[in-house]
């Protein structure tokens, strides 16, 4: 006499496939978020370097023009 299948056992492959699809979707979404964060951080780093370069060029131009660039004076 064959053992009876538990209720819902016939749906097991479909449930497993559904779970795998959900995991794949969640993994894809997480991958996209991580990628966007990496790109954002790289852009922030590049912008910071450009700002530093710009500040240096402005300071050099001020020196060439004979203008003192003292941060202490602007803070008081």
PDB file of N, CA and C in Angstrom:
ATOM      1  N   UNK A   1       0.848  -1.161   0.000  1.00  0.00           N
ATOM      2  CA  UNK A   1       0.000   0.000   0.000  1.00  0.00           C
ATOM      3  C   UNK A   1       0.899   1.230   0.000  1.00  0.00           C
ATOM      4  N   UNK A   2       0.647   2.104  -0.929  1.00  0.00           N
ATOM      5  CA  UNK A   2       1.476   3.299  -1.064  1.00  0.00           C
ATOM      6  C   UNK A   2       1.055   4.337  -0.039  1.00  0.00           C
ATOM      7  N   UNK A   3       2.047   5.047   0.464  1.00  0.00           N
ATOM      8  CA  UNK A   3       1.763   6.097   1.442  1.00  0.00           C
ATOM      9  C   UNK A   3       1.122   7.270   0.731  1.00  0.00           C
ATOM     10  N   UNK A   4       0.150   7.859   1.368  1.00  0.00           N
ATOM     11  CA  UNK A   4      -0.540   9.016   0.774  1.00  0.00           C
ATOM     12  C   UNK A   4       0.350  10.240   0.889  1.00  0.00           C
ATOM     13  N   UNK A   5       0.320  11.079  -0.158  1.00  0.00           N
ATOM     14  CA  UNK A   5       1.112  12.324  -0.129  1.00  0.00           C
ATOM     15  C   UNK A   5       0.454  13.317   0.819  1.00  0.00           C
ATOM     16  N   UNK A   6       1.266  14.073   1.551  1.00  0.00           N
ATOM     17  CA  UNK A   6       0.683  15.091   2.413  1.00  0.00           C
ATOM     18  C   UNK A   6      -0.004  16.160   1.556  1.00  0.00           C
ATOM     19  N   UNK A   7      -0.983  16.838   2.138  1.00  0.00           N
ATOM     20  CA  UNK A   7      -1.666  17.886   1.379  1.00  0.00           C
ATOM     21  C   UNK A   7      -0.673  18.957   0.924  1.00  0.00           C
ATOM     22  N   UNK A   8      -0.814  19.392  -0.297  1.00  0.00           N
ATOM     23  CA  UNK A   8       0.052  20.444  -0.811  1.00  0.00           C
ATOM     24  C   UNK A   8       1.365  19.936  -1.358  1.00  0.00           C
ATOM     25  N   UNK A   9       1.663  18.642  -1.275  1.00  0.00           N
ATOM     26  CA  UNK A   9       2.935  18.109  -1.741  1.00  0.00           C
ATOM     27  C   UNK A   9       3.069  18.244  -3.246  1.00  0.00           C
ATOM     28  N   UNK A  10       1.968  18.224  -3.964  1.00  0.00           N
ATOM     29  CA  UNK A  10       2.005  18.381  -5.411  1.00  0.00           C
ATOM     30  C   UNK A  10       2.411  19.779  -5.828  1.00  0.00           C
ATOM     31  N   UNK A  11       2.226  20.752  -4.946  1.00  0.00           N
ATOM     32  CA  UNK A  11       2.574  22.149  -5.234  1.00  0.00           C
ATOM     33  C   UNK A  11       4.014  22.477  -4.876  1.00  0.00           C
ATOM     34  N   UNK A  12       4.718  21.522  -4.283  1.00  0.00           N
ATOM     35  CA  UNK A  12       6.067  21.785  -3.796  1.00  0.00           C
ATOM     36  C   UNK A  12       7.010  22.316  -4.881  1.00  0.00           C
ATOM     37  N   UNK A  13       7.051  21.728  -6.077  1.00  0.00           N
ATOM     38  CA  UNK A  13       7.939  22.283  -7.108  1.00  0.00           C
ATOM     39  C   UNK A  13       7.570  23.724  -7.485  1.00  0.00           C
ATOM     40  N   UNK A  14       6.298  24.019  -7.541  1.00  0.00           N
ATOM     41  CA  UNK A  14       5.860  25.376  -7.868  1.00  0.00           C
ATOM     42  C   UNK A  14       6.220  26.351  -6.746  1.00  0.00           C
ATOM     43  N   UNK A  15       6.066  25.902  -5.511  1.00  0.00           N
ATOM     44  CA  UNK A  15       6.439  26.749  -4.376  1.00  0.00           C
ATOM     45  C   UNK A  15       7.938  27.014  -4.369  1.00  0.00           C
ATOM     46  N   UNK A  16       8.724  25.978  -4.652  1.00  0.00           N
ATOM     47  CA  UNK A  16      10.178  26.140  -4.690  1.00  0.00           C
ATOM     48  C   UNK A  16      10.575  27.103  -5.805  1.00  0.00           C
ATOM     49  N   UNK A  17       9.962  26.962  -6.965  1.00  0.00           N
ATOM     50  CA  UNK A  17      10.273  27.862  -8.078  1.00  0.00           C
ATOM     51  C   UNK A  17       9.874  29.301  -7.744  1.00  0.00           C
ATOM     52  N   UNK A  18       8.740  29.460  -7.112  1.00  0.00           N
ATOM     53  CA  UNK A  18       8.302  30.800  -6.711  1.00  0.00           C
ATOM     54  C   UNK A  18       9.278  31.422  -5.715  1.00  0.00           C
ATOM     55  N   UNK A  19       9.717  30.630  -4.754  1.00  0.00           N
ATOM     56  CA  UNK A  19      10.681  31.110  -3.764  1.00  0.00           C
ATOM     57  C   UNK A  19      11.997  31.504  -4.433  1.00  0.00           C
ATOM     58  N   UNK A  20      12.463  30.679  -5.357  1.00  0.00           N
ATOM     59  CA  UNK A  20      13.700  30.994  -6.070  1.00  0.00           C
ATOM     60  C   UNK A  20      13.557  32.275  -6.887  1.00  0.00           C
ATOM     61  N   UNK A  21      12.416  32.477  -7.506  1.00  0.00           N
ATOM     62  CA  UNK A  21      12.179  33.715  -8.270  1.00  0.00           C
ATOM     63  C   UNK A  21      12.208  34.936  -7.349  1.00  0.00           C
ATOM     64  N   UNK A  22      11.574  34.806  -6.186  1.00  0.00           N
ATOM     65  CA  UNK A  22      11.581  35.914  -5.230  1.00  0.00           C
ATOM     66  C   UNK A  22      12.996  36.206  -4.745  1.00  0.00           C
ATOM     67  N   UNK A  23      13.761  35.154  -4.466  1.00  0.00           N
ATOM     68  CA  UNK A  23      15.149  35.346  -4.042  1.00  0.00           C
ATOM     69  C   UNK A  23      15.966  36.024  -5.135  1.00  0.00           C
ATOM     70  N   UNK A  24      15.757  35.615  -6.371  1.00  0.00           N
ATOM     71  CA  UNK A  24      16.479  36.214  -7.489  1.00  0.00           C
ATOM     72  C   UNK A  24      16.117  37.690  -7.637  1.00  0.00           C
ATOM     73  N   UNK A  25      14.835  38.027  -7.501  1.00  0.00           N
ATOM     74  CA  UNK A  25      14.402  39.420  -7.592  1.00  0.00           C
ATOM     75  C   UNK A  25      15.012  40.254  -6.467  1.00  0.00           C
ATOM     76  N   UNK A  26      15.006  39.707  -5.254  1.00  0.00           N
ATOM     77  CA  UNK A  26      15.586  40.424  -4.111  1.00  0.00           C
ATOM     78  C   UNK A  26      17.088  40.607  -4.286  1.00  0.00           C
ATOM     79  N   UNK A  27      17.766  39.585  -4.788  1.00  0.00           N
ATOM     80  CA  UNK A  27      19.199  39.671  -5.019  1.00  0.00           C
ATOM     81  C   UNK A  27      19.497  40.728  -6.084  1.00  0.00           C
ATOM     82  N   UNK A  28      18.708  40.758  -7.151  1.00  0.00           N
ATOM     83  CA  UNK A  28      18.893  41.741  -8.218  1.00  0.00           C
ATOM     84  C   UNK A  28      18.687  43.160  -7.684  1.00  0.00           C
ATOM     85  N   UNK A  29      17.655  43.350  -6.879  1.00  0.00           N
ATOM     86  CA  UNK A  29      17.398  44.673  -6.304  1.00  0.00           C
ATOM     87  C   UNK A  29      18.542  45.104  -5.396  1.00  0.00           C
ATOM     88  N   UNK A  30      19.050  44.180  -4.589  1.00  0.00           N
ATOM     89  CA  UNK A  30      20.163  44.486  -3.696  1.00  0.00           C
ATOM     90  C   UNK A  30      21.420  44.814  -4.501  1.00  0.00           C
ATOM     91  N   UNK A  31      21.657  44.067  -5.565  1.00  0.00           N
ATOM     92  CA  UNK A  31      22.806  44.320  -6.429  1.00  0.00           C
ATOM     93  C   UNK A  31      22.724  45.717  -7.041  1.00  0.00           C
ATOM     94  N   UNK A  32      21.541  46.094  -7.483  1.00  0.00           N
ATOM     95  CA  UNK A  32      21.355  47.431  -8.061  1.00  0.00           C
ATOM     96  C   UNK A  32      21.606  48.523  -7.028  1.00  0.00           C
ATOM     97  N   UNK A  33      21.119  48.323  -5.805  1.00  0.00           N
ATOM     98  CA  UNK A  33      21.342  49.319  -4.747  1.00  0.00           C
ATOM     99  C   UNK A  33      22.828  49.473  -4.442  1.00  0.00           C
ATOM    100  N   UNK A  34      23.518  48.341  -4.340  1.00  0.00           N
ATOM    101  CA  UNK A  34      24.951  48.382  -4.035  1.00  0.00           C
ATOM    102  C   UNK A  34      25.700  49.074  -5.162  1.00  0.00           C
ATOM    103  N   UNK A  35      25.354  48.746  -6.399  1.00  0.00           N
ATOM    104  CA  UNK A  35      25.998  49.373  -7.553  1.00  0.00           C
ATOM    105  C   UNK A  35      25.781  50.876  -7.552  1.00  0.00           C
ATOM    106  N   UNK A  36      24.555  51.306  -7.281  1.00  0.00           N
ATOM    107  CA  UNK A  36      24.269  52.743  -7.238  1.00  0.00           C
ATOM    108  C   UNK A  36      25.044  53.431  -6.118  1.00  0.00           C
ATOM    109  N   UNK A  37      25.167  52.788  -4.979  1.00  0.00           N
ATOM    110  CA  UNK A  37      25.938  53.381  -3.879  1.00  0.00           C
ATOM    111  C   UNK A  37      27.410  53.505  -4.226  1.00  0.00           C
ATOM    112  N   UNK A  38      27.952  52.487  -4.889  1.00  0.00           N
ATOM    113  CA  UNK A  38      29.355  52.541  -5.295  1.00  0.00           C
ATOM    114  C   UNK A  38      29.571  53.685  -6.275  1.00  0.00           C
ATOM    115  N   UNK A  39      28.680  53.796  -7.258  1.00  0.00           N
ATOM    116  CA  UNK A  39      28.790  54.876  -8.246  1.00  0.00           C
ATOM    117  C   UNK A  39      28.664  56.230  -7.558  1.00  0.00           C
ATOM    118  N   UNK A  40      27.713  56.365  -6.639  1.00  0.00           N
ATOM    119  CA  UNK A  40      27.516  57.620  -5.921  1.00  0.00           C
ATOM    120  C   UNK A  40      28.759  57.993  -5.120  1.00  0.00           C
ATOM    121  N   UNK A  41      29.345  57.015  -4.432  1.00  0.00           N
ATOM    122  CA  UNK A  41      30.553  57.287  -3.650  1.00  0.00           C
ATOM    123  C   UNK A  41      31.722  57.679  -4.535  1.00  0.00           C
ATOM    124  N   UNK A  42      31.846  57.038  -5.696  1.00  0.00           N
ATOM    125  CA  UNK A  42      32.909  57.412  -6.631  1.00  0.00           C
ATOM    126  C   UNK A  42      32.710  58.839  -7.142  1.00  0.00           C
ATOM    127  N   UNK A  43      31.460  59.190  -7.434  1.00  0.00           N
ATOM    128  CA  UNK A  43      31.180  60.555  -7.893  1.00  0.00           C
ATOM    129  C   UNK A  43      31.483  61.572  -6.803  1.00  0.00           C
ATOM    130  N   UNK A  44      31.123  61.258  -5.568  1.00  0.00           N
ATOM    131  CA  UNK A  44      31.421  62.166  -4.456  1.00  0.00           C
ATOM    132  C   UNK A  44      32.923  62.351  -4.291  1.00  0.00           C
ATOM    133  N   UNK A  45      33.669  61.258  -4.407  1.00  0.00           N
ATOM    134  CA  UNK A  45      35.121  61.331  -4.275  1.00  0.00           C
ATOM    135  C   UNK A  45      35.719  62.193  -5.390  1.00  0.00           C
ATOM    136  N   UNK A  46      35.229  61.984  -6.614  1.00  0.00           N
ATOM    137  CA  UNK A  46      35.735  62.776  -7.739  1.00  0.00           C
ATOM    138  C   UNK A  46      35.393  64.256  -7.570  1.00  0.00           C
ATOM    139  N   UNK A  47      34.181  64.544  -7.117  1.00  0.00           N
ATOM    140  CA  UNK A  47      33.793  65.939  -6.899  1.00  0.00           C
ATOM    141  C   UNK A  47      34.655  66.568  -5.801  1.00  0.00           C
ATOM    142  N   UNK A  48      34.950  65.813  -4.749  1.00  0.00           N
ATOM    143  CA  UNK A  48      35.816  66.324  -3.687  1.00  0.00           C
ATOM    144  C   UNK A  48      37.195  66.657  -4.205  1.00  0.00           C
ATOM    145  N   UNK A  49      37.727  65.792  -5.073  1.00  0.00           N
ATOM    146  CA  UNK A  49      39.053  66.064  -5.656  1.00  0.00           C
ATOM    147  C   UNK A  49      39.013  67.298  -6.544  1.00  0.00           C
ATOM    148  N   UNK A  50      37.938  67.455  -7.300  1.00  0.00           N
ATOM    149  CA  UNK A  50      37.813  68.632  -8.169  1.00  0.00           C
ATOM    150  C   UNK A  50      37.698  69.923  -7.352  1.00  0.00           C
ATOM    151  N   UNK A  51      36.975  69.843  -6.250  1.00  0.00           N
ATOM    152  CA  UNK A  51      36.851  71.021  -5.383  1.00  0.00           C
ATOM    153  C   UNK A  51      38.200  71.372  -4.780  1.00  0.00           C
ATOM    154  N   UNK A  52      38.940  70.352  -4.350  1.00  0.00           N
ATOM    155  CA  UNK A  52      40.284  70.599  -3.806  1.00  0.00           C
ATOM    156  C   UNK A  52      41.176  71.257  -4.854  1.00  0.00           C
ATOM    157  N   UNK A  53      41.130  70.747  -6.087  1.00  0.00           N
ATOM    158  CA  UNK A  53      41.922  71.339  -7.173  1.00  0.00           C
ATOM    159  C   UNK A  53      41.500  72.783  -7.436  1.00  0.00           C
ATOM    160  N   UNK A  54      40.203  73.016  -7.440  1.00  0.00           N
ATOM    161  CA  UNK A  54      39.694  74.368  -7.676  1.00  0.00           C
ATOM    162  C   UNK A  54      40.161  75.326  -6.580  1.00  0.00           C
ATOM    163  N   UNK A  55      40.090  74.886  -5.330  1.00  0.00           N
ATOM    164  CA  UNK A  55      40.556  75.727  -4.213  1.00  0.00           C
ATOM    165  C   UNK A  55      42.038  76.048  -4.361  1.00  0.00           C
ATOM    166  N   UNK A  56      42.824  75.054  -4.763  1.00  0.00           N
ATOM    167  CA  UNK A  56      44.256  75.276  -4.953  1.00  0.00           C
ATOM    168  C   UNK A  56      44.503  76.280  -6.073  1.00  0.00           C
ATOM    169  N   UNK A  57      43.783  76.142  -7.197  1.00  0.00           N
ATOM    170  CA  UNK A  57      43.953  77.070  -8.306  1.00  0.00           C
ATOM    171  C   UNK A  57      43.542  78.492  -7.923  1.00  0.00           C
ATOM    172  N   UNK A  58      42.467  78.617  -7.171  1.00  0.00           N
ATOM    173  CA  UNK A  58      42.031  79.941  -6.718  1.00  0.00           C
ATOM    174  C   UNK A  58      43.090  80.547  -5.804  1.00  0.00           C
ATOM    175  N   UNK A  59      43.633  79.734  -4.892  1.00  0.00           N
ATOM    176  CA  UNK A  59      44.681  80.230  -3.987  1.00  0.00           C
ATOM    177  C   UNK A  59      45.912  80.653  -4.786  1.00  0.00           C
ATOM    178  N   UNK A  60      46.274  79.877  -5.819  1.00  0.00           N
ATOM    179  CA  UNK A  60      47.416  80.236  -6.657  1.00  0.00           C
ATOM    180  C   UNK A  60      47.162  81.542  -7.397  1.00  0.00           C
ATOM    181  N   UNK A  61      45.957  81.703  -7.930  1.00  0.00           N
ATOM    182  CA  UNK A  61      45.618  82.946  -8.631  1.00  0.00           C
ATOM    183  C   UNK A  61      45.638  84.142  -7.687  1.00  0.00           C
ATOM    184  N   UNK A  62      45.160  83.943  -6.475  1.00  0.00           N
ATOM    185  CA  UNK A  62      45.166  85.031  -5.494  1.00  0.00           C
ATOM    186  C   UNK A  62      46.607  85.404  -5.145  1.00  0.00           C
ATOM    187  N   UNK A  63      47.469  84.414  -5.020  1.00  0.00           N
ATOM    188  CA  UNK A  63      48.877  84.679  -4.736  1.00  0.00           C
ATOM    189  C   UNK A  63      49.502  85.453  -5.887  1.00  0.00           C
ATOM    190  N   UNK A  64      49.229  85.023  -7.114  1.00  0.00           N
ATOM    191  CA  UNK A  64      49.761  85.720  -8.283  1.00  0.00           C
ATOM    192  C   UNK A  64      49.250  87.162  -8.357  1.00  0.00           C
ATOM    193  N   UNK A  65      48.028  87.391  -7.905  1.00  0.00           N
ATOM    194  CA  UNK A  65      47.451  88.736  -7.939  1.00  0.00           C
ATOM    195  C   UNK A  65      47.899  89.570  -6.745  1.00  0.00           C
ATOM    196  N   UNK A  66      48.624  88.956  -5.826  1.00  0.00           N
ATOM    197  CA  UNK A  66      49.103  89.689  -4.662  1.00  0.00           C
ATOM    198  C   UNK A  66      48.066  89.813  -3.561  1.00  0.00           C
ATOM    199  N   UNK A  67      47.085  88.977  -3.588  1.00  0.00           N
ATOM    200  CA  UNK A  67      46.037  88.993  -2.559  1.00  0.00           C
ATOM    201  C   UNK A  67      46.353  87.913  -1.545  1.00  0.00           C
ATOM    202  N   UNK A  68      46.378  88.293  -0.265  1.00  0.00           N
ATOM    203  CA  UNK A  68      46.641  87.324   0.790  1.00  0.00           C
ATOM    204  C   UNK A  68      45.411  86.443   0.985  1.00  0.00           C
ATOM    205  N   UNK A  69      45.628  85.178   1.102  1.00  0.00           N
ATOM    206  CA  UNK A  69      44.544  84.224   1.342  1.00  0.00           C
ATOM    207  C   UNK A  69      44.715  83.663   2.738  1.00  0.00           C
ATOM    208  N   UNK A  70      44.096  84.303   3.696  1.00  0.00           N
ATOM    209  CA  UNK A  70      44.216  83.829   5.084  1.00  0.00           C
ATOM    210  C   UNK A  70      42.859  83.388   5.554  1.00  0.00           C
ATOM    211  N   UNK A  71      42.751  82.152   5.901  1.00  0.00           N
ATOM    212  CA  UNK A  71      41.501  81.634   6.442  1.00  0.00           C
ATOM    213  C   UNK A  71      41.227  82.200   7.824  1.00  0.00           C
ATOM    214  N   UNK A  72      42.285  82.561   8.564  1.00  0.00           N
ATOM    215  CA  UNK A  72      42.104  83.098   9.904  1.00  0.00           C
ATOM    216  C   UNK A  72      41.332  84.414   9.870  1.00  0.00           C
ATOM    217  N   UNK A  73      41.604  85.263   8.877  1.00  0.00           N
ATOM    218  CA  UNK A  73      40.909  86.542   8.789  1.00  0.00           C
ATOM    219  C   UNK A  73      39.442  86.361   8.511  1.00  0.00           C
ATOM    220  N   UNK A  74      39.097  85.397   7.663  1.00  0.00           N
ATOM    221  CA  UNK A  74      37.681  85.198   7.322  1.00  0.00           C
ATOM    222  C   UNK A  74      36.915  84.558   8.463  1.00  0.00           C
ATOM    223  N   UNK A  75      37.595  83.920   9.399  1.00  0.00           N
ATOM    224  CA  UNK A  75      36.907  83.287  10.530  1.00  0.00           C
ATOM    225  C   UNK A  75      36.587  84.289  11.637  1.00  0.00           C
ATOM    226  N   UNK A  76      37.317  85.421  11.682  1.00  0.00           N
ATOM    227  CA  UNK A  76      37.087  86.389  12.761  1.00  0.00           C
ATOM    228  C   UNK A  76      36.020  87.370  12.421  1.00  0.00           C
TER     229      UNK A  76
END
